[in-house]
């Protein structure tokens, strides 16, 4: 499988070089994230940082509002980062591009991170933030009947988990879910060929996923373990339609696509779009390289899905 030339440039020139045999630590990974250039960003009509009450502490959010009179459909976005890094800044460019493509109000959530705050802190924060957005729709000039969720990687996990929690806990109703190369299973490399094919050399590695999983879920005896691995949920029926975007050179490719298949088996509309020549994290990578036009059509497809385009099986 051929890699996109700009992804190859990223791998060859923009990743830190560690000594042979050295496995990056959490501190290395967090430092790398803080030092990544953010690239240019889309101009948005209004961007506001706020802090809302969470289940155990305050939760920072960032509200992006497009031009127009509204009320606007809304989307709550959860950033990726293996549940251990990432914040409002790391995905600012991606959020702005989604707003441009969809003309939705987007609320990004800076949920608590592991290992300091292991599972279920992240899904609890994300669910609370989604409830807050629904309850404050009028204040935000939003349409609560069209409240969707989205996220990439770990955030894709959280988006579908919030969808399950909303069904299980009686709301708020979720209109649609957009899952960008989502992590849907606990670390199970032996179950997926994509780990064998893409577990090294393509940015996200098998070793990194093992570390993230260990730091995120520290107690396997807690209830609702499927809120950490939604692919193992006992019932996926009654969930919102899903648009799952995967990358051909991603170790998480197969679990994302299998999750969409399980949704369809449960009677949920779900469509998969695989970008064959891309690696995990390509939305962010194109952003930092100021090359978002390379995936403009992918963003447009997200906007079309959110704005009522039919889901094709």
Protein backbone atom coordinates (compact mmCIF):
# COMPACT_ATOMS: atom_id res chain seq x y z
CA UNK A 1 0.00 0.00 0.00
CA UNK A 2 1.41 3.40 -1.02
CA UNK A 3 1.64 6.12 1.61
CA UNK A 4 0.62 9.69 0.83
CA UNK A 5 3.84 11.62 0.06
CA UNK A 6 3.10 14.30 2.65
CA UNK A 7 2.59 11.65 5.32
CA UNK A 8 5.97 10.19 4.34
CA UNK A 9 7.55 13.64 4.63
CA UNK A 10 6.03 13.97 8.11
CA UNK A 11 7.46 10.61 9.17
CA UNK A 12 10.88 11.37 7.72
CA UNK A 13 11.29 14.96 8.87
CA UNK A 14 8.87 16.08 11.56
CA UNK A 15 8.91 13.29 14.15
CA UNK A 16 11.49 13.31 16.98
CA UNK A 17 14.28 10.77 16.58
CA UNK A 18 14.88 8.51 19.57
CA UNK A 19 17.89 6.21 20.06
CA UNK A 20 17.49 2.75 18.56
CA UNK A 21 15.65 0.45 20.94
CA UNK A 22 14.31 3.31 23.08
CA UNK A 23 10.59 3.31 23.83
CA UNK A 24 9.19 6.84 24.33
CA UNK A 25 7.74 7.53 27.78
CA UNK A 26 4.55 9.40 28.58
CA UNK A 27 6.68 12.46 29.33
CA UNK A 28 8.30 12.18 25.89
CA UNK A 29 4.91 11.91 24.20
CA UNK A 30 3.43 14.85 26.08
CA UNK A 31 6.47 17.00 25.35
CA UNK A 32 6.26 16.09 21.67
CA UNK A 33 2.62 17.15 21.57
CA UNK A 34 3.36 20.50 23.23
CA UNK A 35 6.14 21.23 20.75
CA UNK A 36 4.21 20.38 17.58
CA UNK A 37 3.57 23.45 15.40
CA UNK A 38 -0.13 24.13 14.99
CA UNK A 39 -0.10 25.48 11.42
CA UNK A 40 -2.50 28.06 10.06
CA UNK A 41 -6.12 28.09 11.18
CA UNK A 42 -9.48 28.89 9.63
CA UNK A 43 -11.09 32.18 10.63
CA UNK A 44 -14.27 31.52 12.62
CA UNK A 45 -16.93 34.11 13.41
CA UNK A 46 -16.66 33.69 17.18
CA UNK A 47 -14.47 31.53 19.44
CA UNK A 48 -15.01 31.55 23.19
CA UNK A 49 -13.28 29.67 25.99
CA UNK A 50 -15.39 28.82 29.01
CA UNK A 51 -15.34 26.53 32.01
CA UNK A 52 -18.34 24.43 33.02
CA UNK A 53 -19.15 22.30 36.03
CA UNK A 54 -18.10 18.68 35.59
CA UNK A 55 -18.89 15.58 37.64
CA UNK A 56 -15.86 16.06 39.93
CA UNK A 57 -14.13 19.25 38.77
CA UNK A 58 -14.48 22.08 36.30
CA UNK A 59 -14.16 21.20 32.60
CA UNK A 60 -12.72 23.71 30.10
CA UNK A 61 -14.55 23.98 26.79
CA UNK A 62 -14.09 26.02 23.62
CA UNK A 63 -17.15 27.17 21.67
CA UNK A 64 -16.83 27.82 17.93
CA UNK A 65 -19.76 29.66 16.32
CA UNK A 66 -20.05 30.12 12.52
CA UNK A 67 -21.39 33.16 10.76
CA UNK A 68 -25.14 33.35 10.31
CA UNK A 69 -28.31 33.87 12.28
CA UNK A 70 -28.93 30.39 13.66
CA UNK A 71 -30.14 28.51 15.52
CA UNK A 72 -27.30 26.27 14.41
CA UNK A 73 -27.01 22.50 14.66
CA UNK A 74 -24.39 21.58 17.23
CA UNK A 75 -21.54 19.13 17.54
CA UNK A 76 -19.54 18.25 20.65
CA UNK A 77 -15.94 17.33 19.84
CA UNK A 78 -13.54 15.18 21.88
CA UNK A 79 -9.85 15.36 21.02
CA UNK A 80 -7.54 12.40 20.54
CA UNK A 81 -4.29 11.64 22.30
CA UNK A 82 -4.48 8.14 23.71
CA UNK A 83 -6.50 9.45 26.70
CA UNK A 84 -3.20 10.78 28.10
CA UNK A 85 -2.41 13.94 26.10
CA UNK A 86 -4.07 16.57 23.94
CA UNK A 87 -6.13 19.62 24.81
CA UNK A 88 -8.12 22.46 23.28
CA UNK A 89 -5.07 23.76 21.45
CA UNK A 90 -3.92 20.45 19.94
CA UNK A 91 -7.09 20.11 17.84
CA UNK A 92 -8.02 23.75 17.34
CA UNK A 93 -7.29 23.66 13.61
CA UNK A 94 -9.29 20.45 13.08
CA UNK A 95 -12.25 21.88 15.00
CA UNK A 96 -12.21 25.06 12.94
CA UNK A 97 -12.18 23.08 9.70
CA UNK A 98 -15.17 20.99 10.83
CA UNK A 99 -17.07 24.19 11.65
CA UNK A 100 -16.27 25.61 8.21
CA UNK A 101 -17.37 22.43 6.47
CA UNK A 102 -20.55 21.87 8.48
CA UNK A 103 -21.73 25.32 9.64
CA UNK A 104 -22.34 23.82 13.06
CA UNK A 105 -21.63 25.28 16.44
CA UNK A 106 -18.81 23.11 17.74
CA UNK A 107 -17.99 22.71 21.42
CA UNK A 108 -14.57 21.15 22.11
CA UNK A 109 -14.10 19.48 25.49
CA UNK A 110 -10.86 19.47 27.51
CA UNK A 111 -11.64 16.32 29.50
CA UNK A 112 -9.42 14.99 32.29
CA UNK A 113 -6.49 12.84 31.20
CA UNK A 114 -4.97 9.60 32.47
CA UNK A 115 -2.93 8.45 34.29
CA UNK A 116 -3.71 11.24 36.76
CA UNK A 117 -7.43 10.73 36.08
CA UNK A 118 -7.99 7.20 34.74
CA UNK A 119 -11.18 5.71 33.34
CA UNK A 120 -14.00 6.60 33.80
CA UNK A 121 -13.01 10.27 34.29
CA UNK A 122 -12.83 11.02 30.54
CA UNK A 123 -16.24 9.62 29.51
CA UNK A 124 -17.85 11.13 32.61
CA UNK A 125 -16.50 14.58 31.70
CA UNK A 126 -17.49 14.20 28.05
CA UNK A 127 -21.01 13.05 28.89
CA UNK A 128 -21.43 15.92 31.36
CA UNK A 129 -20.24 18.42 28.75
CA UNK A 130 -22.64 17.00 26.17
CA UNK A 131 -25.52 17.36 28.64
CA UNK A 132 -24.41 20.94 29.31
CA UNK A 133 -24.45 21.78 25.61
CA UNK A 134 -27.94 20.32 25.25
CA UNK A 135 -29.23 22.17 28.31
CA UNK A 136 -27.70 25.48 27.14
CA UNK A 137 -28.66 25.19 23.48
CA UNK A 138 -30.81 28.33 23.54
CA UNK A 139 -28.02 30.35 25.13
CA UNK A 140 -25.59 29.08 22.46
CA UNK A 141 -28.07 29.81 19.64
CA UNK A 142 -28.08 26.08 18.93
CA UNK A 143 -30.63 23.51 17.83
CA UNK A 144 -30.82 20.85 20.55
CA UNK A 145 -32.69 18.51 18.19
CA UNK A 146 -29.55 18.27 16.05
CA UNK A 147 -26.85 17.64 18.62
CA UNK A 148 -24.09 15.38 17.29
CA UNK A 149 -20.81 14.11 18.72
CA UNK A 150 -17.42 13.65 17.08
CA UNK A 151 -13.84 12.84 17.93
CA UNK A 152 -10.62 11.41 16.63
CA UNK A 153 -8.72 8.36 17.94
CA UNK A 154 -9.32 8.33 21.71
CA UNK A 155 -11.86 11.08 21.08
CA UNK A 156 -13.62 8.82 18.59
CA UNK A 157 -13.88 6.28 21.37
CA UNK A 158 -15.36 8.94 23.66
CA UNK A 159 -17.82 10.12 21.00
CA UNK A 160 -19.36 6.69 20.58
CA UNK A 161 -19.21 6.02 24.33
CA UNK A 162 -21.12 9.27 24.97
CA UNK A 163 -23.68 8.06 22.42
CA UNK A 164 -24.06 4.80 24.38
CA UNK A 165 -24.21 6.62 27.73
CA UNK A 166 -26.85 9.00 26.40
CA UNK A 167 -28.98 6.05 25.33
CA UNK A 168 -28.44 4.20 28.61
CA UNK A 169 -28.98 7.19 30.88
CA UNK A 170 -32.02 8.68 29.19
CA UNK A 171 -30.46 11.47 27.16
CA UNK A 172 -29.56 13.85 25.81
CA UNK A 173 -30.59 12.56 22.38
CA UNK A 174 -27.65 12.36 19.97
CA UNK A 175 -28.39 13.07 16.32
CA UNK A 176 -25.26 11.65 14.65
CA UNK A 177 -21.74 10.51 15.51
CA UNK A 178 -18.55 11.17 13.52
CA UNK A 179 -15.67 8.86 14.41
CA UNK A 180 -12.24 9.69 12.98
CA UNK A 181 -9.91 6.64 13.13
CA UNK A 182 -11.49 5.68 16.45
CA UNK A 183 -10.07 3.41 19.14
CA UNK A 184 -13.04 1.14 19.81
CA UNK A 185 -11.40 -1.79 21.62
CA UNK A 186 -9.09 -2.23 24.56
CA UNK A 187 -5.53 -3.00 23.48
CA UNK A 188 -5.99 -6.27 21.54
CA UNK A 189 -3.31 -6.32 18.83
CA UNK A 190 -3.69 -10.04 18.19
CA UNK A 191 -7.29 -9.56 17.09
CA UNK A 192 -6.62 -7.20 14.21
CA UNK A 193 -4.47 -7.63 11.11
CA UNK A 194 -3.98 -3.86 10.94
CA UNK A 195 -1.77 -4.04 14.04
CA UNK A 196 0.48 -6.57 12.33
CA UNK A 197 0.57 -4.51 9.13
CA UNK A 198 0.88 -1.01 10.59
CA UNK A 199 2.05 -1.33 14.19
CA UNK A 200 5.44 0.26 13.54
CA UNK A 201 6.78 2.89 11.19
CA UNK A 202 3.52 4.83 10.77
CA UNK A 203 3.48 7.25 13.74
CA UNK A 204 1.09 5.36 16.04
CA UNK A 205 2.79 2.19 17.24
CA UNK A 206 1.77 -1.01 18.98
CA UNK A 207 4.00 -0.04 21.93
CA UNK A 208 2.29 3.33 22.29
CA UNK A 209 -1.15 1.72 22.28
CA UNK A 210 -0.05 -0.71 25.00
CA UNK A 211 1.11 2.23 27.12
CA UNK A 212 -2.07 4.23 26.56
CA UNK A 213 -4.29 1.28 27.48
CA UNK A 214 -2.33 0.55 30.65
CA UNK A 215 -2.51 4.16 31.81
CA UNK A 216 -6.15 4.71 30.90
CA UNK A 217 -7.89 1.69 32.46
CA UNK A 218 -6.25 1.04 35.81
CA UNK A 219 -9.08 -0.94 37.41
CA UNK A 220 -10.67 -3.76 35.44
CA UNK A 221 -13.23 -4.36 38.19
CA UNK A 222 -15.10 -1.10 37.68
CA UNK A 223 -18.63 -1.39 36.26
CA UNK A 224 -19.46 -0.52 32.66
CA UNK A 225 -16.11 -1.59 31.23
CA UNK A 226 -17.65 -1.34 27.76
CA UNK A 227 -17.55 2.42 28.28
CA UNK A 228 -13.80 2.02 27.70
CA UNK A 229 -14.16 -0.47 24.82
CA UNK A 230 -17.46 0.20 23.05
CA UNK A 231 -16.93 -2.63 20.60
CA UNK A 232 -17.68 -4.94 23.55
CA UNK A 233 -20.95 -3.25 24.50
CA UNK A 234 -23.66 -5.88 25.00
CA UNK A 235 -26.14 -3.86 22.94
CA UNK A 236 -25.41 -1.33 20.20
CA UNK A 237 -28.99 -0.86 19.06
CA UNK A 238 -30.68 2.51 19.25
CA UNK A 239 -27.49 4.51 18.65
CA UNK A 240 -27.25 7.46 16.23
CA UNK A 241 -26.08 7.03 12.64
CA UNK A 242 -22.30 6.89 12.39
CA UNK A 243 -19.72 8.09 9.90
CA UNK A 244 -16.45 6.26 10.51
CA UNK A 245 -13.31 7.49 8.76
CA UNK A 246 -10.30 5.18 8.92
CA UNK A 247 -6.74 5.28 7.60
CA UNK A 248 -5.34 2.42 5.56
CA UNK A 249 -1.94 2.55 7.32
CA UNK A 250 -3.28 2.78 10.86
CA UNK A 251 -3.08 0.00 13.46
CA UNK A 252 -6.59 1.04 14.58
CA UNK A 253 -8.06 0.65 11.09
CA UNK A 254 -9.66 -2.76 11.59
CA UNK A 255 -11.28 -2.12 14.98
CA UNK A 256 -12.85 1.08 13.67
CA UNK A 257 -14.28 -0.73 10.67
CA UNK A 258 -15.42 -3.69 12.75
CA UNK A 259 -17.24 -1.31 15.08
CA UNK A 260 -19.15 0.11 12.12
CA UNK A 261 -20.02 -3.45 11.07
CA UNK A 262 -21.32 -4.22 14.57
CA UNK A 263 -23.41 -1.06 14.49
CA UNK A 264 -24.98 -2.17 11.22
CA UNK A 265 -25.67 -5.63 12.67
CA UNK A 266 -27.52 -3.87 15.51
CA UNK A 267 -29.66 -1.94 13.04
CA UNK A 268 -27.73 1.34 13.19
CA UNK A 269 -26.89 3.16 9.96
CA UNK A 270 -23.10 3.33 9.65
CA UNK A 271 -20.78 4.02 6.77
CA UNK A 272 -17.02 3.63 6.58
CA UNK A 273 -14.72 5.77 4.52
CA UNK A 274 -11.16 4.41 4.37
CA UNK A 275 -8.38 6.76 3.27
CA UNK A 276 -6.04 4.10 1.97
CA UNK A 277 -2.80 6.11 1.78
CA UNK A 278 -3.13 7.86 5.15
CA UNK A 279 -1.71 7.19 8.62
CA UNK A 280 -3.24 7.63 12.05
CA UNK A 281 -3.67 11.29 12.93
CA UNK A 282 -3.73 12.56 9.37
CA UNK A 283 -6.27 15.31 10.11
CA UNK A 284 -3.84 16.91 12.57
CA UNK A 285 -0.80 16.18 10.44
CA UNK A 286 -2.20 17.93 7.37
CA UNK A 287 -3.10 20.86 9.63
CA UNK A 288 0.42 21.33 11.02
CA UNK A 289 1.83 21.08 7.48
CA UNK A 290 -0.62 23.74 6.24
CA UNK A 291 -1.93 21.18 3.76
CA UNK A 292 -5.58 20.90 4.75
CA UNK A 293 -6.61 21.37 1.13
CA UNK A 294 -5.32 17.81 0.58
CA UNK A 295 -8.29 16.56 2.60
CA UNK A 296 -10.78 19.32 1.86
CA UNK A 297 -13.14 16.79 0.30
CA UNK A 298 -12.97 14.62 3.43
CA UNK A 299 -14.02 17.58 5.57
CA UNK A 300 -16.79 18.35 3.10
CA UNK A 301 -18.04 14.78 3.42
CA UNK A 302 -18.25 15.24 7.20
CA UNK A 303 -20.30 18.39 6.66
CA UNK A 304 -22.58 16.59 4.22
CA UNK A 305 -23.13 13.73 6.65
CA UNK A 306 -23.92 16.07 9.55
CA UNK A 307 -26.26 18.13 7.41
CA UNK A 308 -28.49 15.30 6.37
CA UNK A 309 -26.80 13.38 3.57
CA UNK A 310 -28.01 9.79 3.48
CA UNK A 311 -25.78 7.15 5.00
CA UNK A 312 -24.87 4.53 2.41
CA UNK A 313 -24.40 1.00 3.69
